[in-house]
Amino acid sequence: MPEQKEAILLIEDEPQMRRFLRVILRGHGYQMFEAATGGEGLAQAAQRNPELVLLDLGLPDIDGIEVTRRLREWSDVPIIVISAREQELDKIRALDEGADDYLIKPFGSGEAAV
């Protein structure tokens, strides 16, 4: 088994996407924490202090852009948005609120291997 690397928090409501990323990232030695809602993700980020957040924008309770804004109020953790939203305005808003990068779904396992 690979040596345990940094902790990644995945905030994603789709179980299939969580499973896909869990397999890939754990296979590369990353420690994973998961949240299915924005509220749960914010709580996990505060409790676990991850080295990276992978964040979906389309969450059931709080929009991912709002989650980014709230995280940036108290944390400088790198945030990579993973979203099916392809509109340029969504990308700009996410980056303006403090996201560090934006990856459009679907993507391949090579792109996900941080």
PDB file of N, CA and C in Angstrom:
ATOM      1  N   MET A   1       0.842  -1.182   0.000  1.00  0.00           N
ATOM      2  CA  MET A   1       0.000   0.000   0.000  1.00  0.00           C
ATOM      3  C   MET A   1       0.885   1.242   0.000  1.00  0.00           C
ATOM      4  N   PRO A   2       0.528   2.269  -0.796  1.00  0.00           N
ATOM      5  CA  PRO A   2       1.336   3.484  -0.838  1.00  0.00           C
ATOM      6  C   PRO A   2       1.349   4.210   0.504  1.00  0.00           C
ATOM      7  N   GLU A   3       2.421   4.979   0.725  1.00  0.00           N
ATOM      8  CA  GLU A   3       2.521   5.780   1.943  1.00  0.00           C
ATOM      9  C   GLU A   3       1.383   6.792   1.978  1.00  0.00           C
ATOM     10  N   GLN A   4       0.808   7.020   3.176  1.00  0.00           N
ATOM     11  CA  GLN A   4      -0.302   7.950   3.349  1.00  0.00           C
ATOM     12  C   GLN A   4       0.164   9.381   3.089  1.00  0.00           C
ATOM     13  N   LYS A   5      -0.507  10.036   2.137  1.00  0.00           N
ATOM     14  CA  LYS A   5      -0.187  11.422   1.799  1.00  0.00           C
ATOM     15  C   LYS A   5      -1.149  12.356   2.512  1.00  0.00           C
ATOM     16  N   GLU A   6      -1.233  13.569   2.038  1.00  0.00           N
ATOM     17  CA  GLU A   6      -2.077  14.587   2.625  1.00  0.00           C
ATOM     18  C   GLU A   6      -3.541  14.170   2.645  1.00  0.00           C
ATOM     19  N   ALA A   7      -4.302  14.857   3.505  1.00  0.00           N
ATOM     20  CA  ALA A   7      -5.739  14.620   3.619  1.00  0.00           C
ATOM     21  C   ALA A   7      -6.490  15.508   2.639  1.00  0.00           C
ATOM     22  N   ILE A   8      -7.434  14.897   1.938  1.00  0.00           N
ATOM     23  CA  ILE A   8      -8.277  15.607   0.980  1.00  0.00           C
ATOM     24  C   ILE A   8      -9.722  15.509   1.452  1.00  0.00           C
ATOM     25  N   LEU A   9     -10.414  16.617   1.443  1.00  0.00           N
ATOM     26  CA  LEU A   9     -11.842  16.639   1.740  1.00  0.00           C
ATOM     27  C   LEU A   9     -12.591  16.743   0.425  1.00  0.00           C
ATOM     28  N   LEU A  10     -13.459  15.774   0.174  1.00  0.00           N
ATOM     29  CA  LEU A  10     -14.298  15.763  -1.016  1.00  0.00           C
ATOM     30  C   LEU A  10     -15.713  16.145  -0.613  1.00  0.00           C
ATOM     31  N   ILE A  11     -16.212  17.250  -1.162  1.00  0.00           N
ATOM     32  CA  ILE A  11     -17.581  17.686  -0.908  1.00  0.00           C
ATOM     33  C   ILE A  11     -18.347  17.480  -2.208  1.00  0.00           C
ATOM     34  N   GLU A  12     -19.107  16.394  -2.243  1.00  0.00           N
ATOM     35  CA  GLU A  12     -19.760  15.942  -3.483  1.00  0.00           C
ATOM     36  C   GLU A  12     -21.012  15.160  -3.113  1.00  0.00           C
ATOM     37  N   ASP A  13     -22.153  15.485  -3.729  1.00  0.00           N
ATOM     38  CA  ASP A  13     -23.399  14.801  -3.382  1.00  0.00           C
ATOM     39  C   ASP A  13     -23.654  13.543  -4.198  1.00  0.00           C
ATOM     40  N   GLU A  14     -22.982  13.345  -5.308  1.00  0.00           N
ATOM     41  CA  GLU A  14     -23.214  12.169  -6.147  1.00  0.00           C
ATOM     42  C   GLU A  14     -22.388  10.986  -5.639  1.00  0.00           C
ATOM     43  N   PRO A  15     -23.071   9.905  -5.168  1.00  0.00           N
ATOM     44  CA  PRO A  15     -22.338   8.749  -4.634  1.00  0.00           C
ATOM     45  C   PRO A  15     -21.366   8.130  -5.636  1.00  0.00           C
ATOM     46  N   GLN A  16     -21.753   8.077  -6.917  1.00  0.00           N
ATOM     47  CA  GLN A  16     -20.871   7.480  -7.914  1.00  0.00           C
ATOM     48  C   GLN A  16     -19.579   8.285  -8.076  1.00  0.00           C
ATOM     49  N   MET A  17     -19.686   9.601  -8.050  1.00  0.00           N
ATOM     50  CA  MET A  17     -18.497  10.449  -8.171  1.00  0.00           C
ATOM     51  C   MET A  17     -17.630  10.333  -6.925  1.00  0.00           C
ATOM     52  N   ARG A  18     -18.254  10.269  -5.752  1.00  0.00           N
ATOM     53  CA  ARG A  18     -17.477  10.074  -4.522  1.00  0.00           C
ATOM     54  C   ARG A  18     -16.719   8.747  -4.586  1.00  0.00           C
ATOM     55  N   ARG A  19     -17.386   7.703  -5.017  1.00  0.00           N
ATOM     56  CA  ARG A  19     -16.760   6.381  -5.112  1.00  0.00           C
ATOM     57  C   ARG A  19     -15.594   6.410  -6.112  1.00  0.00           C
ATOM     58  N   PHE A  20     -15.808   7.001  -7.280  1.00  0.00           N
ATOM     59  CA  PHE A  20     -14.778   7.129  -8.313  1.00  0.00           C
ATOM     60  C   PHE A  20     -13.534   7.836  -7.764  1.00  0.00           C
ATOM     61  N   LEU A  21     -13.741   8.978  -7.135  1.00  0.00           N
ATOM     62  CA  LEU A  21     -12.603   9.742  -6.614  1.00  0.00           C
ATOM     63  C   LEU A  21     -11.954   9.057  -5.416  1.00  0.00           C
ATOM     64  N   ARG A  22     -12.754   8.401  -4.594  1.00  0.00           N
ATOM     65  CA  ARG A  22     -12.212   7.666  -3.444  1.00  0.00           C
ATOM     66  C   ARG A  22     -11.236   6.587  -3.915  1.00  0.00           C
ATOM     67  N   VAL A  23     -11.637   5.808  -4.889  1.00  0.00           N
ATOM     68  CA  VAL A  23     -10.783   4.727  -5.404  1.00  0.00           C
ATOM     69  C   VAL A  23      -9.487   5.295  -5.971  1.00  0.00           C
ATOM     70  N   ILE A  24      -9.603   6.330  -6.780  1.00  0.00           N
ATOM     71  CA  ILE A  24      -8.416   6.906  -7.418  1.00  0.00           C
ATOM     72  C   ILE A  24      -7.474   7.535  -6.397  1.00  0.00           C
ATOM     73  N   LEU A  25      -8.020   8.379  -5.531  1.00  0.00           N
ATOM     74  CA  LEU A  25      -7.156   9.128  -4.621  1.00  0.00           C
ATOM     75  C   LEU A  25      -6.584   8.244  -3.514  1.00  0.00           C
ATOM     76  N   ARG A  26      -7.375   7.348  -2.978  1.00  0.00           N
ATOM     77  CA  ARG A  26      -6.823   6.421  -1.979  1.00  0.00           C
ATOM     78  C   ARG A  26      -5.781   5.511  -2.620  1.00  0.00           C
ATOM     79  N   GLY A  27      -6.010   5.140  -3.884  1.00  0.00           N
ATOM     80  CA  GLY A  27      -5.038   4.329  -4.606  1.00  0.00           C
ATOM     81  C   GLY A  27      -3.707   5.037  -4.786  1.00  0.00           C
ATOM     82  N   HIS A  28      -3.735   6.368  -4.774  1.00  0.00           N
ATOM     83  CA  HIS A  28      -2.503   7.155  -4.858  1.00  0.00           C
ATOM     84  C   HIS A  28      -1.984   7.548  -3.474  1.00  0.00           C
ATOM     85  N   GLY A  29      -2.587   6.986  -2.415  1.00  0.00           N
ATOM     86  CA  GLY A  29      -2.069   7.188  -1.068  1.00  0.00           C
ATOM     87  C   GLY A  29      -2.646   8.353  -0.297  1.00  0.00           C
ATOM     88  N   TYR A  30      -3.647   9.039  -0.843  1.00  0.00           N
ATOM     89  CA  TYR A  30      -4.229  10.171  -0.131  1.00  0.00           C
ATOM     90  C   TYR A  30      -5.233   9.696   0.911  1.00  0.00           C
ATOM     91  N   GLN A  31      -5.274  10.399   2.022  1.00  0.00           N
ATOM     92  CA  GLN A  31      -6.294  10.172   3.032  1.00  0.00           C
ATOM     93  C   GLN A  31      -7.534  10.955   2.598  1.00  0.00           C
ATOM     94  N   MET A  32      -8.714  10.329   2.659  1.00  0.00           N
ATOM     95  CA  MET A  32      -9.934  10.954   2.159  1.00  0.00           C
ATOM     96  C   MET A  32     -10.955  11.152   3.270  1.00  0.00           C
ATOM     97  N   PHE A  33     -11.575  12.330   3.243  1.00  0.00           N
ATOM     98  CA  PHE A  33     -12.755  12.599   4.050  1.00  0.00           C
ATOM     99  C   PHE A  33     -13.836  13.010   3.063  1.00  0.00           C
ATOM    100  N   GLU A  34     -15.073  12.653   3.336  1.00  0.00           N
ATOM    101  CA  GLU A  34     -16.142  12.918   2.384  1.00  0.00           C
ATOM    102  C   GLU A  34     -17.321  13.588   3.063  1.00  0.00           C
ATOM    103  N   ALA A  35     -17.985  14.450   2.291  1.00  0.00           N
ATOM    104  CA  ALA A  35     -19.213  15.104   2.732  1.00  0.00           C
ATOM    105  C   ALA A  35     -20.161  15.166   1.546  1.00  0.00           C
ATOM    106  N   ALA A  36     -21.444  14.917   1.790  1.00  0.00           N
ATOM    107  CA  ALA A  36     -22.441  14.919   0.724  1.00  0.00           C
ATOM    108  C   ALA A  36     -23.207  16.226   0.628  1.00  0.00           C
ATOM    109  N   THR A  37     -22.985  17.138   1.579  1.00  0.00           N
ATOM    110  CA  THR A  37     -23.658  18.442   1.559  1.00  0.00           C
ATOM    111  C   THR A  37     -22.656  19.544   1.865  1.00  0.00           C
ATOM    112  N   GLY A  38     -23.029  20.760   1.529  1.00  0.00           N
ATOM    113  CA  GLY A  38     -22.159  21.893   1.820  1.00  0.00           C
ATOM    114  C   GLY A  38     -21.981  22.116   3.313  1.00  0.00           C
ATOM    115  N   GLY A  39     -23.071  21.990   4.063  1.00  0.00           N
ATOM    116  CA  GLY A  39     -22.987  22.166   5.513  1.00  0.00           C
ATOM    117  C   GLY A  39     -22.073  21.147   6.163  1.00  0.00           C
ATOM    118  N   GLU A  40     -22.219  19.896   5.756  1.00  0.00           N
ATOM    119  CA  GLU A  40     -21.352  18.836   6.274  1.00  0.00           C
ATOM    120  C   GLU A  40     -19.900  19.089   5.863  1.00  0.00           C
ATOM    121  N   GLY A  41     -19.713  19.559   4.639  1.00  0.00           N
ATOM    122  CA  GLY A  41     -18.361  19.852   4.167  1.00  0.00           C
ATOM    123  C   GLY A  41     -17.692  20.962   4.954  1.00  0.00           C
ATOM    124  N   LEU A  42     -18.432  22.017   5.256  1.00  0.00           N
ATOM    125  CA  LEU A  42     -17.881  23.111   6.055  1.00  0.00           C
ATOM    126  C   LEU A  42     -17.492  22.619   7.452  1.00  0.00           C
ATOM    127  N   ALA A  43     -18.349  21.780   8.038  1.00  0.00           N
ATOM    128  CA  ALA A  43     -18.051  21.232   9.363  1.00  0.00           C
ATOM    129  C   ALA A  43     -16.818  20.333   9.314  1.00  0.00           C
ATOM    130  N   GLN A  44     -16.720  19.487   8.285  1.00  0.00           N
ATOM    131  CA  GLN A  44     -15.555  18.603   8.131  1.00  0.00           C
ATOM    132  C   GLN A  44     -14.271  19.417   7.931  1.00  0.00           C
ATOM    133  N   ALA A  45     -14.369  20.476   7.131  1.00  0.00           N
ATOM    134  CA  ALA A  45     -13.186  21.318   6.889  1.00  0.00           C
ATOM    135  C   ALA A  45     -12.692  21.939   8.192  1.00  0.00           C
ATOM    136  N   ALA A  46     -13.616  22.405   9.018  1.00  0.00           N
ATOM    137  CA  ALA A  46     -13.239  23.018  10.291  1.00  0.00           C
ATOM    138  C   ALA A  46     -12.653  21.984  11.250  1.00  0.00           C
ATOM    139  N   GLN A  47     -13.222  20.798  11.261  1.00  0.00           N
ATOM    140  CA  GLN A  47     -12.794  19.756  12.190  1.00  0.00           C
ATOM    141  C   GLN A  47     -11.495  19.083  11.763  1.00  0.00           C
ATOM    142  N   ARG A  48     -11.337  18.811  10.472  1.00  0.00           N
ATOM    143  CA  ARG A  48     -10.232  17.970  10.003  1.00  0.00           C
ATOM    144  C   ARG A  48      -9.056  18.740   9.413  1.00  0.00           C
ATOM    145  N   ASN A  49      -9.256  20.004   9.063  1.00  0.00           N
ATOM    146  CA  ASN A  49      -8.183  20.834   8.520  1.00  0.00           C
ATOM    147  C   ASN A  49      -7.450  20.147   7.361  1.00  0.00           C
ATOM    148  N   PRO A  50      -8.156  19.855   6.257  1.00  0.00           N
ATOM    149  CA  PRO A  50      -7.530  19.139   5.132  1.00  0.00           C
ATOM    150  C   PRO A  50      -6.504  20.003   4.405  1.00  0.00           C
ATOM    151  N   GLU A  51      -5.637  19.350   3.629  1.00  0.00           N
ATOM    152  CA  GLU A  51      -4.656  20.070   2.820  1.00  0.00           C
ATOM    153  C   GLU A  51      -5.238  20.493   1.474  1.00  0.00           C
ATOM    154  N   LEU A  52      -6.394  19.913   1.095  1.00  0.00           N
ATOM    155  CA  LEU A  52      -7.042  20.223  -0.179  1.00  0.00           C
ATOM    156  C   LEU A  52      -8.527  19.932  -0.065  1.00  0.00           C
ATOM    157  N   VAL A  53      -9.347  20.778  -0.716  1.00  0.00           N
ATOM    158  CA  VAL A  53     -10.784  20.532  -0.803  1.00  0.00           C
ATOM    159  C   VAL A  53     -11.146  20.380  -2.277  1.00  0.00           C
ATOM    160  N   LEU A  54     -11.829  19.276  -2.600  1.00  0.00           N
ATOM    161  CA  LEU A  54     -12.432  19.074  -3.915  1.00  0.00           C
ATOM    162  C   LEU A  54     -13.913  19.341  -3.728  1.00  0.00           C
ATOM    163  N   LEU A  55     -14.453  20.299  -4.477  1.00  0.00           N
ATOM    164  CA  LEU A  55     -15.788  20.821  -4.205  1.00  0.00           C
ATOM    165  C   LEU A  55     -16.676  20.835  -5.434  1.00  0.00           C
ATOM    166  N   ASP A  56     -17.827  20.168  -5.320  1.00  0.00           N
ATOM    167  CA  ASP A  56     -18.855  20.239  -6.352  1.00  0.00           C
ATOM    168  C   ASP A  56     -19.661  21.514  -6.135  1.00  0.00           C
ATOM    169  N   LEU A  57     -20.122  22.135  -7.208  1.00  0.00           N
ATOM    170  CA  LEU A  57     -20.940  23.340  -7.069  1.00  0.00           C
ATOM    171  C   LEU A  57     -22.406  23.018  -6.828  1.00  0.00           C
ATOM    172  N   GLY A  58     -22.897  21.928  -7.391  1.00  0.00           N
ATOM    173  CA  GLY A  58     -24.318  21.601  -7.307  1.00  0.00           C
ATOM    174  C   GLY A  58     -24.648  20.746  -6.106  1.00  0.00           C
ATOM    175  N   LEU A  59     -24.607  21.310  -4.929  1.00  0.00           N
ATOM    176  CA  LEU A  59     -24.891  20.578  -3.700  1.00  0.00           C
ATOM    177  C   LEU A  59     -26.356  20.774  -3.300  1.00  0.00           C
ATOM    178  N   PRO A  60     -26.928  19.834  -2.541  1.00  0.00           N
ATOM    179  CA  PRO A  60     -28.359  19.910  -2.242  1.00  0.00           C
ATOM    180  C   PRO A  60     -28.766  21.003  -1.262  1.00  0.00           C
ATOM    181  N   ASP A  61     -27.846  21.473  -0.421  1.00  0.00           N
ATOM    182  CA  ASP A  61     -28.232  22.444   0.599  1.00  0.00           C
ATOM    183  C   ASP A  61     -27.658  23.841   0.367  1.00  0.00           C
ATOM    184  N   ILE A  62     -26.380  23.922   0.061  1.00  0.00           N
ATOM    185  CA  ILE A  62     -25.693  25.204  -0.132  1.00  0.00           C
ATOM    186  C   ILE A  62     -24.939  25.127  -1.451  1.00  0.00           C
ATOM    187  N   ASP A  63     -25.087  26.120  -2.294  1.00  0.00           N
ATOM    188  CA  ASP A  63     -24.355  26.136  -3.555  1.00  0.00           C
ATOM    189  C   ASP A  63     -22.849  26.134  -3.274  1.00  0.00           C
ATOM    190  N   GLY A  64     -22.097  25.420  -4.094  1.00  0.00           N
ATOM    191  CA  GLY A  64     -20.656  25.313  -3.900  1.00  0.00           C
ATOM    192  C   GLY A  64     -19.925  26.649  -3.918  1.00  0.00           C
ATOM    193  N   ILE A  65     -20.436  27.619  -4.658  1.00  0.00           N
ATOM    194  CA  ILE A  65     -19.808  28.947  -4.657  1.00  0.00           C
ATOM    195  C   ILE A  65     -19.941  29.589  -3.282  1.00  0.00           C
ATOM    196  N   GLU A  66     -21.089  29.385  -2.639  1.00  0.00           N
ATOM    197  CA  GLU A  66     -21.281  29.893  -1.273  1.00  0.00           C
ATOM    198  C   GLU A  66     -20.385  29.137  -0.293  1.00  0.00           C
ATOM    199  N   VAL A  67     -20.213  27.843  -0.487  1.00  0.00           N
ATOM    200  CA  VAL A  67     -19.304  27.070   0.361  1.00  0.00           C
ATOM    201  C   VAL A  67     -17.887  27.638   0.226  1.00  0.00           C
ATOM    202  N   THR A  68     -17.476  27.936  -0.997  1.00  0.00           N
ATOM    203  CA  THR A  68     -16.152  28.532  -1.225  1.00  0.00           C
ATOM    204  C   THR A  68     -16.020  29.848  -0.477  1.00  0.00           C
ATOM    205  N   ARG A  69     -17.026  30.705  -0.609  1.00  0.00           N
ATOM    206  CA  ARG A  69     -17.000  32.006   0.074  1.00  0.00           C
ATOM    207  C   ARG A  69     -16.861  31.824   1.587  1.00  0.00           C
ATOM    208  N   ARG A  70     -17.640  30.911   2.144  1.00  0.00           N
ATOM    209  CA  ARG A  70     -17.593  30.679   3.595  1.00  0.00           C
ATOM    210  C   ARG A  70     -16.256  30.099   4.037  1.00  0.00           C
ATOM    211  N   LEU A  71     -15.701  29.172   3.256  1.00  0.00           N
ATOM    212  CA  LEU A  71     -14.388  28.625   3.594  1.00  0.00           C
ATOM    213  C   LEU A  71     -13.326  29.719   3.607  1.00  0.00           C
ATOM    214  N   ARG A  72     -13.398  30.614   2.642  1.00  0.00           N
ATOM    215  CA  ARG A  72     -12.393  31.676   2.530  1.00  0.00           C
ATOM    216  C   ARG A  72     -12.478  32.696   3.660  1.00  0.00           C
ATOM    217  N   GLU A  73     -13.565  32.694   4.415  1.00  0.00           N
ATOM    218  CA  GLU A  73     -13.669  33.594   5.562  1.00  0.00           C
ATOM    219  C   GLU A  73     -12.685  33.222   6.660  1.00  0.00           C
ATOM    220  N   TRP A  74     -12.262  31.943   6.710  1.00  0.00           N
ATOM    221  CA  TRP A  74     -11.386  31.503   7.792  1.00  0.00           C
ATOM    222  C   TRP A  74     -10.273  30.542   7.376  1.00  0.00           C
ATOM    223  N   SER A  75     -10.215  30.184   6.089  1.00  0.00           N
ATOM    224  CA  SER A  75      -9.208  29.207   5.669  1.00  0.00           C
ATOM    225  C   SER A  75      -8.606  29.575   4.313  1.00  0.00           C
ATOM    226  N   ASP A  76      -7.340  29.230   4.139  1.00  0.00           N
ATOM    227  CA  ASP A  76      -6.698  29.416   2.835  1.00  0.00           C
ATOM    228  C   ASP A  76      -6.389  28.073   2.178  1.00  0.00           C
ATOM    229  N   VAL A  77      -7.096  27.013   2.613  1.00  0.00           N
ATOM    230  CA  VAL A  77      -6.912  25.689   2.030  1.00  0.00           C
ATOM    231  C   VAL A  77      -7.161  25.756   0.520  1.00  0.00           C
ATOM    232  N   PRO A  78      -6.326  25.118  -0.289  1.00  0.00           N
ATOM    233  CA  PRO A  78      -6.595  25.099  -1.732  1.00  0.00           C
ATOM    234  C   PRO A  78      -7.940  24.422  -2.032  1.00  0.00           C
ATOM    235  N   ILE A  79      -8.698  25.023  -2.931  1.00  0.00           N
ATOM    236  CA  ILE A  79     -10.009  24.506  -3.328  1.00  0.00           C
ATOM    237  C   ILE A  79      -9.993  24.281  -4.830  1.00  0.00           C
ATOM    238  N   ILE A  80     -10.291  23.045  -5.222  1.00  0.00           N
ATOM    239  CA  ILE A  80     -10.464  22.734  -6.640  1.00  0.00           C
ATOM    240  C   ILE A  80     -11.933  22.399  -6.848  1.00  0.00           C
ATOM    241  N   VAL A  81     -12.595  23.186  -7.664  1.00  0.00           N
ATOM    242  CA  VAL A  81     -13.995  22.944  -7.986  1.00  0.00           C
ATOM    243  C   VAL A  81     -14.060  21.826  -9.017  1.00  0.00           C
ATOM    244  N   ILE A  82     -14.954  20.869  -8.771  1.00  0.00           N
ATOM    245  CA  ILE A  82     -15.229  19.810  -9.744  1.00  0.00           C
ATOM    246  C   ILE A  82     -16.725  19.893 -10.031  1.00  0.00           C
ATOM    247  N   SER A  83     -17.072  20.328 -11.222  1.00  0.00           N
ATOM    248  CA  SER A  83     -18.472  20.606 -11.506  1.00  0.00           C
ATOM    249  C   SER A  83     -18.836  20.286 -12.946  1.00  0.00           C
ATOM    250  N   ALA A  84     -20.097  19.973 -13.146  1.00  0.00           N
ATOM    251  CA  ALA A  84     -20.619  19.776 -14.501  1.00  0.00           C
ATOM    252  C   ALA A  84     -20.991  21.104 -15.140  1.00  0.00           C
ATOM    253  N   ARG A  85     -20.981  22.167 -14.359  1.00  0.00           N
ATOM    254  CA  ARG A  85     -21.307  23.489 -14.888  1.00  0.00           C
ATOM    255  C   ARG A  85     -20.173  23.969 -15.793  1.00  0.00           C
ATOM    256  N   GLU A  86     -20.508  24.207 -17.045  1.00  0.00           N
ATOM    257  CA  GLU A  86     -19.494  24.602 -18.021  1.00  0.00           C
ATOM    258  C   GLU A  86     -19.544  26.079 -18.370  1.00  0.00           C
ATOM    259  N   GLN A  87     -20.543  26.799 -17.876  1.00  0.00           N
ATOM    260  CA  GLN A  87     -20.670  28.204 -18.247  1.00  0.00           C
ATOM    261  C   GLN A  87     -19.522  29.027 -17.657  1.00  0.00           C
ATOM    262  N   GLU A  88     -19.015  29.905 -18.473  1.00  0.00           N
ATOM    263  CA  GLU A  88     -17.886  30.728 -18.065  1.00  0.00           C
ATOM    264  C   GLU A  88     -18.196  31.537 -16.805  1.00  0.00           C
ATOM    265  N   LEU A  89     -19.421  32.023 -16.671  1.00  0.00           N
ATOM    266  CA  LEU A  89     -19.799  32.822 -15.505  1.00  0.00           C
ATOM    267  C   LEU A  89     -19.642  32.016 -14.211  1.00  0.00           C
ATOM    268  N   ASP A  90     -20.021  30.733 -14.233  1.00  0.00           N
ATOM    269  CA  ASP A  90     -19.858  29.893 -13.040  1.00  0.00           C
ATOM    270  C   ASP A  90     -18.389  29.755 -12.670  1.00  0.00           C
ATOM    271  N   LYS A  91     -17.544  29.545 -13.666  1.00  0.00           N
ATOM    272  CA  LYS A  91     -16.104  29.436 -13.407  1.00  0.00           C
ATOM    273  C   LYS A  91     -15.566  30.735 -12.811  1.00  0.00           C
ATOM    274  N   ILE A  92     -15.938  31.843 -13.401  1.00  0.00           N
ATOM    275  CA  ILE A  92     -15.459  33.145 -12.929  1.00  0.00           C
ATOM    276  C   ILE A  92     -15.913  33.394 -11.501  1.00  0.00           C
ATOM    277  N   ARG A  93     -17.183  33.130 -11.215  1.00  0.00           N
ATOM    278  CA  ARG A  93     -17.710  33.339  -9.853  1.00  0.00           C
ATOM    279  C   ARG A  93     -16.973  32.472  -8.844  1.00  0.00           C
ATOM    280  N   ALA A  94     -16.755  31.195  -9.183  1.00  0.00           N
ATOM    281  CA  ALA A  94     -16.060  30.293  -8.260  1.00  0.00           C
ATOM    282  C   ALA A  94     -14.636  30.772  -7.996  1.00  0.00           C
ATOM    283  N   LEU A  95     -13.941  31.157  -9.054  1.00  0.00           N
ATOM    284  CA  LEU A  95     -12.566  31.642  -8.894  1.00  0.00           C
ATOM    285  C   LEU A  95     -12.533  32.980  -8.167  1.00  0.00           C
ATOM    286  N   ASP A  96     -13.476  33.857  -8.443  1.00  0.00           N
ATOM    287  CA  ASP A  96     -13.541  35.141  -7.747  1.00  0.00           C
ATOM    288  C   ASP A  96     -13.799  34.970  -6.249  1.00  0.00           C
ATOM    289  N   GLU A  97     -14.554  33.945  -5.883  1.00  0.00           N
ATOM    290  CA  GLU A  97     -14.851  33.700  -4.463  1.00  0.00           C
ATOM    291  C   GLU A  97     -13.707  33.004  -3.741  1.00  0.00           C
ATOM    292  N   GLY A  98     -12.692  32.552  -4.500  1.00  0.00           N
ATOM    293  CA  GLY A  98     -11.517  32.002  -3.841  1.00  0.00           C
ATOM    294  C   GLY A  98     -11.104  30.608  -4.250  1.00  0.00           C
ATOM    295  N   ALA A  99     -11.822  29.972  -5.187  1.00  0.00           N
ATOM    296  CA  ALA A  99     -11.383  28.665  -5.666  1.00  0.00           C
ATOM    297  C   ALA A  99     -10.047  28.822  -6.377  1.00  0.00           C
ATOM    298  N   ASP A 100      -9.215  27.791  -6.298  1.00  0.00           N
ATOM    299  CA  ASP A 100      -7.895  27.847  -6.906  1.00  0.00           C
ATOM    300  C   ASP A 100      -7.857  27.282  -8.320  1.00  0.00           C
ATOM    301  N   ASP A 101      -8.791  26.384  -8.630  1.00  0.00           N
ATOM    302  CA  ASP A 101      -8.859  25.810  -9.968  1.00  0.00           C
ATOM    303  C   ASP A 101     -10.253  25.266 -10.189  1.00  0.00           C
ATOM    304  N   TYR A 102     -10.546  24.893 -11.429  1.00  0.00           N
ATOM    305  CA  TYR A 102     -11.887  24.471 -11.825  1.00  0.00           C
ATOM    306  C   TYR A 102     -11.748  23.328 -12.821  1.00  0.00           C
ATOM    307  N   LEU A 103     -12.315  22.173 -12.495  1.00  0.00           N
ATOM    308  CA  LEU A 103     -12.250  20.989 -13.339  1.00  0.00           C
ATOM    309  C   LEU A 103     -13.672  20.608 -13.729  1.00  0.00           C
ATOM    310  N   ILE A 104     -13.920  20.482 -15.033  1.00  0.00           N
ATOM    311  CA  ILE A 104     -15.261  20.194 -15.522  1.00  0.00           C
ATOM    312  C   ILE A 104     -15.480  18.686 -15.615  1.00  0.00           C
ATOM    313  N   LYS A 105     -16.606  18.225 -15.041  1.00  0.00           N
ATOM    314  CA  LYS A 105     -17.023  16.824 -15.158  1.00  0.00           C
ATOM    315  C   LYS A 105     -17.611  16.609 -16.537  1.00  0.00           C
ATOM    316  N   PRO A 106     -17.483  15.450 -17.102  1.00  0.00           N
ATOM    317  CA  PRO A 106     -16.704  14.316 -16.612  1.00  0.00           C
ATOM    318  C   PRO A 106     -15.224  14.517 -16.907  1.00  0.00           C
ATOM    319  N   PHE A 107     -14.404  13.849 -16.148  1.00  0.00           N
ATOM    320  CA  PHE A 107     -12.961  13.891 -16.371  1.00  0.00           C
ATOM    321  C   PHE A 107     -12.408  12.496 -16.152  1.00  0.00           C
ATOM    322  N   GLY A 108     -11.204  12.275 -16.644  1.00  0.00           N
ATOM    323  CA  GLY A 108     -10.589  10.959 -16.552  1.00  0.00           C
ATOM    324  C   GLY A 108      -9.841  10.758 -15.260  1.00  0.00           C
ATOM    325  N   SER A 109      -9.497   9.521 -14.974  1.00  0.00           N
ATOM    326  CA  SER A 109      -8.797   9.205 -13.740  1.00  0.00           C
ATOM    327  C   SER A 109      -7.425   9.869 -13.671  1.00  0.00           C
ATOM    328  N   GLY A 110      -6.769  10.089 -14.793  1.00  0.00           N
ATOM    329  CA  GLY A 110      -5.481  10.766 -14.801  1.00  0.00           C
ATOM    330  C   GLY A 110      -5.594  12.207 -14.334  1.00  0.00           C
ATOM    331  N   GLU A 111      -6.678  12.867 -14.694  1.00  0.00           N
ATOM    332  CA  GLU A 111      -6.911  14.237 -14.240  1.00  0.00           C
ATOM    333  C   GLU A 111      -7.220  14.297 -12.754  1.00  0.00           C
ATOM    334  N   ALA A 112      -7.815  13.248 -12.217  1.00  0.00           N
ATOM    335  CA  ALA A 112      -8.228  13.231 -10.817  1.00  0.00           C
ATOM    336  C   ALA A 112      -7.091  12.865  -9.871  1.00  0.00           C
ATOM    337  N   ALA A 113      -6.011  12.350 -10.369  1.00  0.00           N
ATOM    338  CA  ALA A 113      -4.919  11.891  -9.528  1.00  0.00           C
ATOM    339  C   ALA A 113      -4.038  13.064  -9.115  1.00  0.00           C
ATOM    340  N   VAL A 114      -4.621  13.961  -8.382  1.00  0.00           N
ATOM    341  CA  VAL A 114      -4.016  15.181  -7.884  1.00  0.00           C
ATOM    342  C   VAL A 114      -2.570  15.092  -7.893  1.00  0.00           C
TER     343      VAL A 114
END
